[in-house]
Amino acid sequence: MQANVRRFDRTAANIANVNSVGYRAEGSRGLAGTFLSTGNPLDLAVQRDGWFRVASYNGSSFGEIMYTRAGDFHLDASGSLVAADGRYVIGYALDATGRPTVTEIPLQMPSGTASVTIGDDGVVTALDAQGNATRVGAISLARFSNPDGLEAAGGGLYRATSAAGAEQTGAFGGIESGVLETSNVDLASSIVDTFVANAGFTASTRTFDTAAEMLGELARLGERYRTS
C-alpha cells in the first residue's frame, strides 16, 4: 500500500508540473524536455546534461546551492541575473584573457546596461546604449553521474545528494539563449500510472479486508471449540 501511495504521489507531482519550465520527472531526470524559442535573451536552456547553479547571496558569499534546468532568468533591481524565485545565478569571474576562472560570483550587469547577450560558452556580455561591451562573467554549470539521485526541492529546484554522485562544476557551455526547456513529463504515461497505482492500492485494501474476515472466522471457531 505504501509503495502504491508513493507511486501515486510521484505521478501526481509529474502531472501537476507538466507545464513547469525545466521540470524533470523522477526516474527520467537525464531526459531533456522540448526546447521552445522565446526570443528573450535571458531565457536559457542547456543543450547537454548540465544544471544551472543558483543560490541566495548576502553580498559576500552564496547560501545553499540548488540546481535547476529552468532557465527563465531575469535581472533584478540591482542588475543581477537571477532565477524566477530571486536566487542568484552563479557564475565565474573571467581572467584578463576573458577565460573563466574558478572564482564564483553573482552575474551583475554594470550601470548603464541597455541589453545583455549570452553566448553558447555561457559568457555573459553587457552592452550599453552606445554598443560598448563588458564581459561580466561565465555561467557555472554542474553535472552529476546519476541525476535521478537529485532530491526534488519544489519549484523546479533540486538538491545534491550522495546518490546523485559527486558534483562536477565548470563553464561547460552548451547554453542556448532565447530558448526555454519545457517539462520532460510524459503526460499519457503519468495518467496511466495514476490508474495503476490506484488499482494497486485498492487491491491491497481488499486483501486486508479478506485477511480480517479470515481472522475473525478463526476467532469464532476458536471460541466455539473452547466452549464445546
Protein backbone atom coordinates (compact mmCIF):
# COMPACT_ATOMS: atom_id res chain seq x y z
CA MET A 1 0.00 0.00 0.00
CA GLN A 2 2.81 2.41 0.87
CA ALA A 3 4.55 1.68 -2.43
CA ASN A 4 1.38 2.49 -4.37
CA VAL A 5 0.87 5.69 -2.37
CA ARG A 6 4.44 6.78 -3.20
CA ARG A 7 3.88 5.93 -6.87
CA PHE A 8 0.64 7.92 -6.91
CA ASP A 9 2.34 10.90 -5.25
CA ARG A 10 5.17 10.86 -7.82
CA THR A 11 2.84 10.70 -10.79
CA ALA A 12 0.55 13.36 -9.32
CA ALA A 13 3.56 15.67 -8.93
CA ASN A 14 4.58 14.98 -12.52
CA ILE A 15 1.11 15.79 -13.84
CA ALA A 16 0.97 18.98 -11.76
CA ASN A 17 4.28 20.10 -13.29
CA VAL A 18 3.63 19.12 -16.90
CA ASN A 19 3.79 22.81 -17.90
CA SER A 20 6.58 23.83 -15.50
CA VAL A 21 9.73 25.16 -17.19
CA GLY A 22 12.68 22.79 -16.82
CA TYR A 23 10.85 20.26 -14.63
CA ARG A 24 12.40 16.79 -14.64
CA ALA A 25 10.19 13.83 -13.77
CA GLU A 26 11.51 11.39 -11.19
CA GLY A 27 13.15 8.44 -12.89
CA SER A 28 13.83 10.40 -16.07
CA ARG A 29 15.90 13.40 -14.96
CA GLY A 30 18.52 12.60 -17.54
CA LEU A 31 15.94 13.02 -20.30
CA ALA A 32 15.59 16.54 -21.71
CA GLY A 33 12.30 18.25 -22.41
CA THR A 34 11.36 20.09 -25.58
CA PHE A 35 13.17 23.36 -26.37
CA LEU A 36 10.94 26.31 -27.22
CA SER A 37 12.12 29.61 -28.69
CA THR A 38 11.05 32.72 -26.72
CA GLY A 39 13.20 35.48 -28.23
CA ASN A 40 14.13 36.68 -24.73
CA PRO A 41 17.96 36.68 -24.46
CA LEU A 42 17.75 35.98 -20.71
CA ASP A 43 15.80 32.75 -21.26
CA LEU A 44 18.39 29.97 -21.31
CA ALA A 45 18.48 26.24 -21.96
CA VAL A 46 21.32 23.74 -21.55
CA GLN A 47 21.84 21.71 -24.69
CA ARG A 48 23.69 18.94 -22.90
CA ASP A 49 23.50 17.40 -19.42
CA GLY A 50 24.40 20.39 -17.26
CA TRP A 51 22.35 22.02 -14.50
CA PHE A 52 22.25 25.71 -13.66
CA ARG A 53 23.52 26.51 -10.16
CA VAL A 54 21.54 29.07 -8.17
CA ALA A 55 21.70 30.29 -4.58
CA SER A 56 20.94 33.15 -2.25
CA TYR A 57 23.69 35.76 -1.88
CA ASN A 58 24.40 38.02 1.10
CA GLY A 59 26.86 40.33 -0.63
CA SER A 60 29.94 38.27 0.15
CA SER A 61 29.05 34.56 -0.07
CA PHE A 62 26.47 32.22 -1.53
CA GLY A 63 23.98 30.22 0.51
CA GLU A 64 22.91 26.64 -0.22
CA ILE A 65 23.45 25.86 -3.87
CA MET A 66 20.44 24.47 -5.71
CA TYR A 67 20.26 23.00 -9.20
CA THR A 68 17.74 23.64 -11.94
CA ARG A 69 17.07 23.27 -15.64
CA ALA A 70 14.57 26.14 -15.52
CA GLY A 71 16.36 28.96 -17.32
CA ASP A 72 13.62 31.60 -17.15
CA PHE A 73 16.02 34.18 -15.71
CA HIS A 74 15.73 37.95 -15.38
CA LEU A 75 17.63 40.94 -14.00
CA ASP A 76 16.72 42.12 -10.51
CA ALA A 77 16.72 45.74 -9.33
CA SER A 78 20.50 45.69 -8.87
CA GLY A 79 21.12 44.30 -12.37
CA SER A 80 22.00 40.78 -11.23
CA LEU A 81 20.95 37.73 -13.22
CA VAL A 82 18.51 35.79 -11.04
CA ALA A 83 16.14 32.83 -11.25
CA ALA A 84 12.36 33.16 -11.14
CA ASP A 85 12.37 32.90 -7.33
CA GLY A 86 15.10 35.53 -6.91
CA ARG A 87 18.04 33.19 -6.32
CA TYR A 88 21.25 34.38 -7.96
CA VAL A 89 22.61 32.55 -10.98
CA ILE A 90 26.14 31.53 -10.02
CA GLY A 91 28.85 32.48 -12.48
CA TYR A 92 32.62 32.53 -12.76
CA ALA A 93 34.81 35.61 -12.92
CA LEU A 94 36.89 35.99 -16.09
CA ASP A 95 40.64 36.44 -16.24
CA ALA A 96 42.47 39.09 -18.28
CA THR A 97 42.16 36.95 -21.42
CA GLY A 98 38.42 36.51 -21.00
CA ARG A 99 38.60 32.90 -19.86
CA PRO A 100 36.57 31.65 -16.87
CA THR A 101 38.36 31.26 -13.55
CA VAL A 102 37.18 29.17 -10.58
CA THR A 103 36.08 32.22 -8.60
CA GLU A 104 32.31 32.11 -8.14
CA ILE A 105 30.44 35.40 -8.50
CA PRO A 106 26.91 36.73 -8.99
CA LEU A 107 26.47 37.89 -12.58
CA GLN A 108 25.80 41.60 -12.09
CA MET A 109 25.47 43.98 -15.03
CA PRO A 110 27.23 47.36 -14.82
CA SER A 111 25.28 50.58 -14.52
CA GLY A 112 24.01 51.80 -17.88
CA THR A 113 23.47 48.35 -19.35
CA ALA A 114 20.99 48.56 -22.21
CA SER A 115 20.99 44.91 -23.30
CA VAL A 116 22.56 41.57 -22.46
CA THR A 117 23.87 38.78 -24.67
CA ILE A 118 24.79 35.27 -23.54
CA GLY A 119 26.96 33.09 -25.74
CA ASP A 120 26.99 29.36 -26.28
CA ASP A 121 30.01 29.25 -23.97
CA GLY A 122 27.94 30.83 -21.18
CA VAL A 123 29.83 34.14 -21.23
CA VAL A 124 27.52 37.00 -20.25
CA THR A 125 28.14 40.31 -22.01
CA ALA A 126 26.51 43.63 -21.10
CA LEU A 127 26.06 46.28 -23.79
CA ASP A 128 25.48 49.97 -23.09
CA ALA A 129 23.41 52.32 -25.24
CA GLN A 130 26.42 53.01 -27.48
CA GLY A 131 27.06 49.30 -28.02
CA ASN A 132 30.17 49.15 -25.83
CA ALA A 133 30.57 45.62 -24.49
CA THR A 134 31.57 44.49 -20.99
CA ARG A 135 32.09 40.82 -20.26
CA VAL A 136 30.53 40.18 -16.87
CA GLY A 137 31.39 36.50 -16.30
CA ALA A 138 30.55 32.96 -17.41
CA ILE A 139 27.60 30.89 -16.25
CA SER A 140 28.55 27.99 -13.98
CA LEU A 141 27.02 24.58 -14.64
CA ALA A 142 27.03 21.31 -12.71
CA ARG A 143 26.94 17.71 -13.85
CA PHE A 144 26.02 14.55 -11.94
CA SER A 145 26.66 10.93 -12.88
CA ASN A 146 23.17 9.99 -11.64
CA PRO A 147 20.80 12.98 -11.93
CA ASP A 148 17.91 10.75 -10.81
CA GLY A 149 19.58 10.82 -7.40
CA LEU A 150 18.95 14.56 -7.03
CA GLU A 151 16.37 15.46 -4.39
CA ALA A 152 13.41 17.50 -5.60
CA ALA A 153 13.01 20.68 -3.55
CA GLY A 154 9.99 22.17 -5.35
CA GLY A 155 9.75 25.00 -7.83
CA GLY A 156 11.95 23.19 -10.35
CA LEU A 157 14.86 23.14 -7.88
CA TYR A 158 16.91 20.13 -6.81
CA ARG A 159 19.44 19.37 -4.07
CA ALA A 160 22.62 17.38 -4.46
CA THR A 161 22.72 14.02 -2.68
CA SER A 162 25.26 11.23 -2.38
CA ALA A 163 23.00 9.15 -4.62
CA ALA A 164 23.47 11.69 -7.44
CA GLY A 165 27.23 11.26 -7.39
CA ALA A 166 29.92 13.88 -6.96
CA GLU A 167 29.14 17.31 -8.38
CA GLN A 168 31.31 18.30 -11.34
CA THR A 169 31.31 22.04 -11.95
CA GLY A 170 32.62 24.24 -14.71
CA ALA A 171 31.81 26.63 -17.53
CA PHE A 172 30.85 23.74 -19.78
CA GLY A 173 28.99 25.82 -22.34
CA GLY A 174 26.27 24.32 -24.50
CA ILE A 175 23.95 27.13 -23.43
CA GLU A 176 21.33 28.43 -25.84
CA SER A 177 19.94 31.94 -25.34
CA GLY A 178 16.35 32.87 -26.18
CA VAL A 179 15.17 29.31 -25.52
CA LEU A 180 13.43 27.54 -22.64
CA GLU A 181 13.29 23.84 -21.89
CA THR A 182 9.81 22.52 -21.15
CA SER A 183 8.94 19.76 -18.70
CA ASN A 184 10.02 16.26 -19.74
CA VAL A 185 6.86 14.71 -18.27
CA ASP A 186 5.10 12.15 -20.47
CA LEU A 187 1.52 13.09 -19.62
CA ALA A 188 -0.11 9.99 -21.10
CA SER A 189 2.20 7.63 -19.18
CA SER A 190 1.72 9.62 -15.98
CA ILE A 191 -2.07 9.36 -16.23
CA VAL A 192 -1.81 5.60 -16.78
CA ASP A 193 0.48 5.36 -13.74
CA THR A 194 -2.12 7.07 -11.53
CA PHE A 195 -4.71 4.47 -12.52
CA VAL A 196 -2.25 1.64 -11.93
CA ALA A 197 -1.28 3.00 -8.51
CA ASN A 198 -4.93 3.48 -7.55
CA ALA A 199 -5.82 -0.05 -8.68
CA GLY A 200 -2.88 -1.48 -6.75
CA PHE A 201 -3.89 0.40 -3.60
CA THR A 202 -7.50 -0.78 -3.92
CA ALA A 203 -6.38 -4.39 -4.37
CA SER A 204 -4.18 -4.11 -1.28
CA THR A 205 -7.03 -2.81 0.86
CA ARG A 206 -9.23 -5.68 -0.31
CA THR A 207 -6.51 -8.13 0.72
CA PHE A 208 -6.54 -6.60 4.20
CA ASP A 209 -10.34 -6.89 4.34
CA THR A 210 -10.16 -10.56 3.34
CA ALA A 211 -7.45 -11.26 5.91
CA ALA A 212 -9.51 -9.52 8.60
CA GLU A 213 -12.56 -11.65 7.73
CA MET A 214 -10.46 -14.83 7.89
CA LEU A 215 -9.01 -13.88 11.26
CA GLY A 216 -12.48 -13.11 12.53
CA GLU A 217 -13.75 -16.50 11.40
CA LEU A 218 -10.77 -18.24 13.05
CA ALA A 219 -11.50 -16.38 16.27
CA ARG A 220 -15.12 -17.51 16.19
CA LEU A 221 -14.07 -21.10 15.54
CA GLY A 222 -11.60 -20.95 18.39
CA GLU A 223 -14.26 -19.59 20.71
CA ARG A 224 -16.66 -22.39 19.67
CA TYR A 225 -14.11 -25.10 20.45
CA ARG A 226 -13.24 -23.53 23.78
CA THR A 227 -16.87 -23.59 24.87
CA SER A 228 -17.70 -27.05 23.50
